[in-house]
PDB file of N, CA and C in Angstrom:
ATOM      1  N   MET A   1      25.097   3.092  13.533  1.00  0.00           N
ATOM      2  CA  MET A   1      24.108   3.167  12.465  1.00  0.00           C
ATOM      3  C   MET A   1      24.749   2.880  11.106  1.00  0.00           C
ATOM      4  N   ALA A   2      25.966   3.406  10.876  1.00  0.00           N
ATOM      5  CA  ALA A   2      26.633   3.160   9.601  1.00  0.00           C
ATOM      6  C   ALA A   2      26.914   1.679   9.417  1.00  0.00           C
ATOM      7  N   ASN A   3      27.199   0.978  10.515  1.00  0.00           N
ATOM      8  CA  ASN A   3      27.453  -0.454  10.449  1.00  0.00           C
ATOM      9  C   ASN A   3      26.194  -1.209  10.045  1.00  0.00           C
ATOM     10  N   GLU A   4      25.029  -0.706  10.443  1.00  0.00           N
ATOM     11  CA  GLU A   4      23.754  -1.338  10.077  1.00  0.00           C
ATOM     12  C   GLU A   4      23.578  -1.334   8.562  1.00  0.00           C
ATOM     13  N   ASP A   5      24.055  -0.271   7.898  1.00  0.00           N
ATOM     14  CA  ASP A   5      23.919  -0.166   6.452  1.00  0.00           C
ATOM     15  C   ASP A   5      24.780  -1.185   5.722  1.00  0.00           C
ATOM     16  N   LYS A   6      25.797  -1.687   6.385  1.00  0.00           N
ATOM     17  CA  LYS A   6      26.720  -2.648   5.781  1.00  0.00           C
ATOM     18  C   LYS A   6      26.124  -4.056   5.736  1.00  0.00           C
ATOM     19  N   PHE A   7      25.151  -4.314   6.591  1.00  0.00           N
ATOM     20  CA  PHE A   7      24.585  -5.655   6.725  1.00  0.00           C
ATOM     21  C   PHE A   7      23.082  -5.674   6.485  1.00  0.00           C
ATOM     22  N   MET A   8      22.580  -6.858   6.149  1.00  0.00           N
ATOM     23  CA  MET A   8      21.140  -7.077   5.996  1.00  0.00           C
ATOM     24  C   MET A   8      20.722  -8.211   6.913  1.00  0.00           C
ATOM     25  N   ARG A   9      19.540  -8.100   7.441  1.00  0.00           N
ATOM     26  CA  ARG A   9      18.961  -9.191   8.219  1.00  0.00           C
ATOM     27  C   ARG A   9      18.465 -10.257   7.241  1.00  0.00           C
ATOM     28  N   PRO A  10      18.351 -11.504   7.692  1.00  0.00           N
ATOM     29  CA  PRO A  10      17.863 -12.567   6.808  1.00  0.00           C
ATOM     30  C   PRO A  10      16.508 -12.238   6.179  1.00  0.00           C
ATOM     31  N   ALA A  11      15.603 -11.647   6.944  1.00  0.00           N
ATOM     32  CA  ALA A  11      14.274 -11.322   6.409  1.00  0.00           C
ATOM     33  C   ALA A  11      14.355 -10.269   5.309  1.00  0.00           C
ATOM     34  N   GLU A  12      15.274  -9.312   5.443  1.00  0.00           N
ATOM     35  CA  GLU A  12      15.439  -8.284   4.407  1.00  0.00           C
ATOM     36  C   GLU A  12      15.941  -8.906   3.111  1.00  0.00           C
ATOM     37  N   ALA A  13      16.938  -9.776   3.230  1.00  0.00           N
ATOM     38  CA  ALA A  13      17.486 -10.441   2.048  1.00  0.00           C
ATOM     39  C   ALA A  13      16.428 -11.333   1.405  1.00  0.00           C
ATOM     40  N   ALA A  14      15.684 -12.055   2.218  1.00  0.00           N
ATOM     41  CA  ALA A  14      14.639 -12.942   1.698  1.00  0.00           C
ATOM     42  C   ALA A  14      13.577 -12.147   0.948  1.00  0.00           C
ATOM     43  N   ARG A  15      13.196 -11.008   1.496  1.00  0.00           N
ATOM     44  CA  ARG A  15      12.180 -10.167   0.860  1.00  0.00           C
ATOM     45  C   ARG A  15      12.675  -9.664  -0.494  1.00  0.00           C
ATOM     46  N   LEU A  16      13.951  -9.282  -0.574  1.00  0.00           N
ATOM     47  CA  LEU A  16      14.533  -8.808  -1.825  1.00  0.00           C
ATOM     48  C   LEU A  16      14.445  -9.877  -2.913  1.00  0.00           C
ATOM     49  N   PHE A  17      14.766 -11.121  -2.550  1.00  0.00           N
ATOM     50  CA  PHE A  17      14.763 -12.221  -3.516  1.00  0.00           C
ATOM     51  C   PHE A  17      13.388 -12.849  -3.716  1.00  0.00           C
ATOM     52  N   GLY A  18      12.464 -12.571  -2.808  1.00  0.00           N
ATOM     53  CA  GLY A  18      11.144 -13.196  -2.895  1.00  0.00           C
ATOM     54  C   GLY A  18      11.179 -14.655  -2.477  1.00  0.00           C
ATOM     55  N   VAL A  19      12.030 -14.970  -1.495  1.00  0.00           N
ATOM     56  CA  VAL A  19      12.167 -16.345  -1.010  1.00  0.00           C
ATOM     57  C   VAL A  19      12.001 -16.365   0.505  1.00  0.00           C
ATOM     58  N   ASP A  20      11.972 -17.540   1.074  1.00  0.00           N
ATOM     59  CA  ASP A  20      11.886 -17.717   2.519  1.00  0.00           C
ATOM     60  C   ASP A  20      13.265 -17.504   3.146  1.00  0.00           C
ATOM     61  N   THR A  21      13.291 -17.140   4.410  1.00  0.00           N
ATOM     62  CA  THR A  21      14.573 -16.950   5.096  1.00  0.00           C
ATOM     63  C   THR A  21      15.396 -18.235   5.132  1.00  0.00           C
ATOM     64  N   ARG A  22      14.731 -19.382   5.117  1.00  0.00           N
ATOM     65  CA  ARG A  22      15.474 -20.653   5.108  1.00  0.00           C
ATOM     66  C   ARG A  22      16.281 -20.807   3.820  1.00  0.00           C
ATOM     67  N   THR A  23      15.767 -20.259   2.725  1.00  0.00           N
ATOM     68  CA  THR A  23      16.507 -20.300   1.464  1.00  0.00           C
ATOM     69  C   THR A  23      17.777 -19.467   1.578  1.00  0.00           C
ATOM     70  N   ILE A  24      17.673 -18.305   2.197  1.00  0.00           N
ATOM     71  CA  ILE A  24      18.850 -17.455   2.403  1.00  0.00           C
ATOM     72  C   ILE A  24      19.884 -18.207   3.237  1.00  0.00           C
ATOM     73  N   MET A  25      19.441 -18.893   4.267  1.00  0.00           N
ATOM     74  CA  MET A  25      20.361 -19.658   5.117  1.00  0.00           C
ATOM     75  C   MET A  25      21.005 -20.803   4.345  1.00  0.00           C
ATOM     76  N   ARG A  26      20.243 -21.451   3.463  1.00  0.00           N
ATOM     77  CA  ARG A  26      20.810 -22.526   2.631  1.00  0.00           C
ATOM     78  C   ARG A  26      21.852 -21.963   1.673  1.00  0.00           C
ATOM     79  N   TRP A  27      21.555 -20.807   1.072  1.00  0.00           N
ATOM     80  CA  TRP A  27      22.520 -20.180   0.169  1.00  0.00           C
ATOM     81  C   TRP A  27      23.799 -19.843   0.921  1.00  0.00           C
ATOM     82  N   SER A  28      23.656 -19.398   2.148  1.00  0.00           N
ATOM     83  CA  SER A  28      24.826 -19.081   2.971  1.00  0.00           C
ATOM     84  C   SER A  28      25.632 -20.342   3.263  1.00  0.00           C
ATOM     85  N   ALA A  29      24.950 -21.421   3.622  1.00  0.00           N
ATOM     86  CA  ALA A  29      25.621 -22.694   3.907  1.00  0.00           C
ATOM     87  C   ALA A  29      26.329 -23.233   2.666  1.00  0.00           C
ATOM     88  N   ALA A  30      25.776 -22.932   1.481  1.00  0.00           N
ATOM     89  CA  ALA A  30      26.362 -23.393   0.226  1.00  0.00           C
ATOM     90  C   ALA A  30      27.497 -22.485  -0.248  1.00  0.00           C
ATOM     91  N   GLY A  31      27.735 -21.387   0.471  1.00  0.00           N
ATOM     92  CA  GLY A  31      28.824 -20.490   0.109  1.00  0.00           C
ATOM     93  C   GLY A  31      28.452 -19.377  -0.847  1.00  0.00           C
ATOM     94  N   LYS A  32      27.165 -19.222  -1.152  1.00  0.00           N
ATOM     95  CA  LYS A  32      26.740 -18.150  -2.062  1.00  0.00           C
ATOM     96  C   LYS A  32      26.736 -16.792  -1.379  1.00  0.00           C
ATOM     97  N   LEU A  33      26.528 -16.777  -0.070  1.00  0.00           N
ATOM     98  CA  LEU A  33      26.501 -15.539   0.715  1.00  0.00           C
ATOM     99  C   LEU A  33      27.277 -15.744   2.003  1.00  0.00           C
ATOM    100  N   ARG A  34      28.156 -14.807   2.324  1.00  0.00           N
ATOM    101  CA  ARG A  34      28.845 -14.853   3.616  1.00  0.00           C
ATOM    102  C   ARG A  34      27.970 -14.183   4.660  1.00  0.00           C
ATOM    103  N   SER A  35      28.084 -14.657   5.866  1.00  0.00           N
ATOM    104  CA  SER A  35      27.345 -14.022   6.958  1.00  0.00           C
ATOM    105  C   SER A  35      28.256 -13.879   8.163  1.00  0.00           C
ATOM    106  N   VAL A  36      27.838 -13.016   9.064  1.00  0.00           N
ATOM    107  CA  VAL A  36      28.510 -12.875  10.352  1.00  0.00           C
ATOM    108  C   VAL A  36      27.458 -13.118  11.413  1.00  0.00           C
ATOM    109  N   GLN A  37      27.925 -13.469  12.584  1.00  0.00           N
ATOM    110  CA  GLN A  37      27.008 -13.728  13.688  1.00  0.00           C
ATOM    111  C   GLN A  37      27.161 -12.616  14.719  1.00  0.00           C
ATOM    112  N   THR A  38      26.044 -12.041  15.137  1.00  0.00           N
ATOM    113  CA  THR A  38      26.082 -10.988  16.148  1.00  0.00           C
ATOM    114  C   THR A  38      26.368 -11.606  17.510  1.00  0.00           C
ATOM    115  N   LEU A  39      26.656 -10.766  18.472  1.00  0.00           N
ATOM    116  CA  LEU A  39      26.890 -11.261  19.830  1.00  0.00           C
ATOM    117  C   LEU A  39      25.661 -11.980  20.375  1.00  0.00           C
ATOM    118  N   GLY A  40      24.491 -11.598  19.901  1.00  0.00           N
ATOM    119  CA  GLY A  40      23.252 -12.242  20.334  1.00  0.00           C
ATOM    120  C   GLY A  40      22.940 -13.520  19.572  1.00  0.00           C
ATOM    121  N   GLY A  41      23.808 -13.909  18.619  1.00  0.00           N
ATOM    122  CA  GLY A  41      23.629 -15.153  17.883  1.00  0.00           C
ATOM    123  C   GLY A  41      22.821 -15.032  16.603  1.00  0.00           C
ATOM    124  N   HIS A  42      22.516 -13.804  16.175  1.00  0.00           N
ATOM    125  CA  HIS A  42      21.736 -13.595  14.953  1.00  0.00           C
ATOM    126  C   HIS A  42      22.660 -13.490  13.746  1.00  0.00           C
ATOM    127  N   ARG A  43      22.180 -13.910  12.596  1.00  0.00           N
ATOM    128  CA  ARG A  43      22.957 -13.843  11.362  1.00  0.00           C
ATOM    129  C   ARG A  43      22.696 -12.516  10.661  1.00  0.00           C
ATOM    130  N   ARG A  44      23.754 -11.972  10.083  1.00  0.00           N
ATOM    131  CA  ARG A  44      23.666 -10.782   9.249  1.00  0.00           C
ATOM    132  C   ARG A  44      24.449 -11.070   7.977  1.00  0.00           C
ATOM    133  N   TYR A  45      23.923 -10.580   6.867  1.00  0.00           N
ATOM    134  CA  TYR A  45      24.534 -10.807   5.560  1.00  0.00           C
ATOM    135  C   TYR A  45      25.103  -9.501   5.036  1.00  0.00           C
ATOM    136  N   PHE A  46      26.251  -9.577   4.378  1.00  0.00           N
ATOM    137  CA  PHE A  46      26.877  -8.392   3.820  1.00  0.00           C
ATOM    138  C   PHE A  46      25.998  -7.848   2.695  1.00  0.00           C
ATOM    139  N   ARG A  47      25.533  -6.620   2.852  1.00  0.00           N
ATOM    140  CA  ARG A  47      24.634  -5.995   1.873  1.00  0.00           C
ATOM    141  C   ARG A  47      25.237  -6.035   0.472  1.00  0.00           C
ATOM    142  N   GLU A  48      26.529  -5.751   0.369  1.00  0.00           N
ATOM    143  CA  GLU A  48      27.198  -5.738  -0.932  1.00  0.00           C
ATOM    144  C   GLU A  48      27.116  -7.112  -1.607  1.00  0.00           C
ATOM    145  N   GLU A  49      27.300  -8.176  -0.849  1.00  0.00           N
ATOM    146  CA  GLU A  49      27.230  -9.528  -1.419  1.00  0.00           C
ATOM    147  C   GLU A  49      25.803  -9.907  -1.796  1.00  0.00           C
ATOM    148  N   VAL A  50      24.853  -9.504  -0.969  1.00  0.00           N
ATOM    149  CA  VAL A  50      23.445  -9.780  -1.278  1.00  0.00           C
ATOM    150  C   VAL A  50      23.082  -9.107  -2.599  1.00  0.00           C
ATOM    151  N   MET A  51      23.485  -7.857  -2.759  1.00  0.00           N
ATOM    152  CA  MET A  51      23.161  -7.125  -3.982  1.00  0.00           C
ATOM    153  C   MET A  51      23.894  -7.708  -5.191  1.00  0.00           C
ATOM    154  N   ARG A  52      25.131  -8.187  -4.988  1.00  0.00           N
ATOM    155  CA  ARG A  52      25.869  -8.832  -6.081  1.00  0.00           C
ATOM    156  C   ARG A  52      25.141 -10.078  -6.551  1.00  0.00           C
ATOM    157  N   LEU A  53      24.728 -10.917  -5.592  1.00  0.00           N
ATOM    158  CA  LEU A  53      24.020 -12.140  -5.940  1.00  0.00           C
ATOM    159  C   LEU A  53      22.693 -11.823  -6.609  1.00  0.00           C
ATOM    160  N   TRP A  54      21.994 -10.812  -6.100  1.00  0.00           N
ATOM    161  CA  TRP A  54      20.718 -10.414  -6.702  1.00  0.00           C
ATOM    162  C   TRP A  54      20.940  -9.999  -8.153  1.00  0.00           C
ATOM    163  N   GLY A  55      22.013  -9.244  -8.397  1.00  0.00           N
ATOM    164  CA  GLY A  55      22.334  -8.825  -9.755  1.00  0.00           C
ATOM    165  C   GLY A  55      22.647 -10.004 -10.659  1.00  0.00           C
ATOM    166  N   GLU A  56      23.411 -10.966 -10.153  1.00  0.00           N
ATOM    167  CA  GLU A  56      23.741 -12.164 -10.936  1.00  0.00           C
ATOM    168  C   GLU A  56      22.484 -12.940 -11.296  1.00  0.00           C
ATOM    169  N   MET A  57      21.582 -13.048 -10.355  1.00  0.00           N
ATOM    170  CA  MET A  57      20.373 -13.836 -10.580  1.00  0.00           C
ATOM    171  C   MET A  57      19.361 -13.113 -11.463  1.00  0.00           C
ATOM    172  N   ASN A  58      19.525 -11.800 -11.613  1.00  0.00           N
ATOM    173  CA  ASN A  58      18.591 -11.018 -12.414  1.00  0.00           C
ATOM    174  C   ASN A  58      19.233 -10.462 -13.677  1.00  0.00           C
ATOM    175  N   GLY A  59      20.383 -11.011 -14.046  1.00  0.00           N
ATOM    176  CA  GLY A  59      21.031 -10.631 -15.296  1.00  0.00           C
ATOM    177  C   GLY A  59      21.677  -9.262 -15.279  1.00  0.00           C
ATOM    178  N   ASP A  60      21.914  -8.715 -14.091  1.00  0.00           N
ATOM    179  CA  ASP A  60      22.573  -7.420 -13.958  1.00  0.00           C
ATOM    180  C   ASP A  60      24.072  -7.637 -13.940  1.00  0.00           C
ATOM    181  N   ALA A  61      24.812  -6.815 -14.630  1.00  0.00           N
ATOM    182  CA  ALA A  61      26.274  -6.926 -14.645  1.00  0.00           C
ATOM    183  C   ALA A  61      26.889  -5.885 -13.724  1.00  0.00           C
ATOM    184  N   THR A  62      26.487  -5.886 -12.432  1.00  0.00           N
ATOM    185  CA  THR A  62      27.028  -4.907 -11.483  1.00  0.00           C
ATOM    186  C   THR A  62      28.112  -5.500 -10.649  1.00  0.00           C
TER     187      THR A  62
END
């Protein structure tokens, strides 16, 4: 469960930014967000990086 808190699903990240999941995947491909792949082949994004990017895009200095 603690490991779940470390990562976000693509839909969670997309909802935070107000974009489509394909945008999140493009940002990942462009190097804006790192992701890991689960054993089942699903992508997960580091929550800390998602929040950092969200802060950068919203003028937050976190």
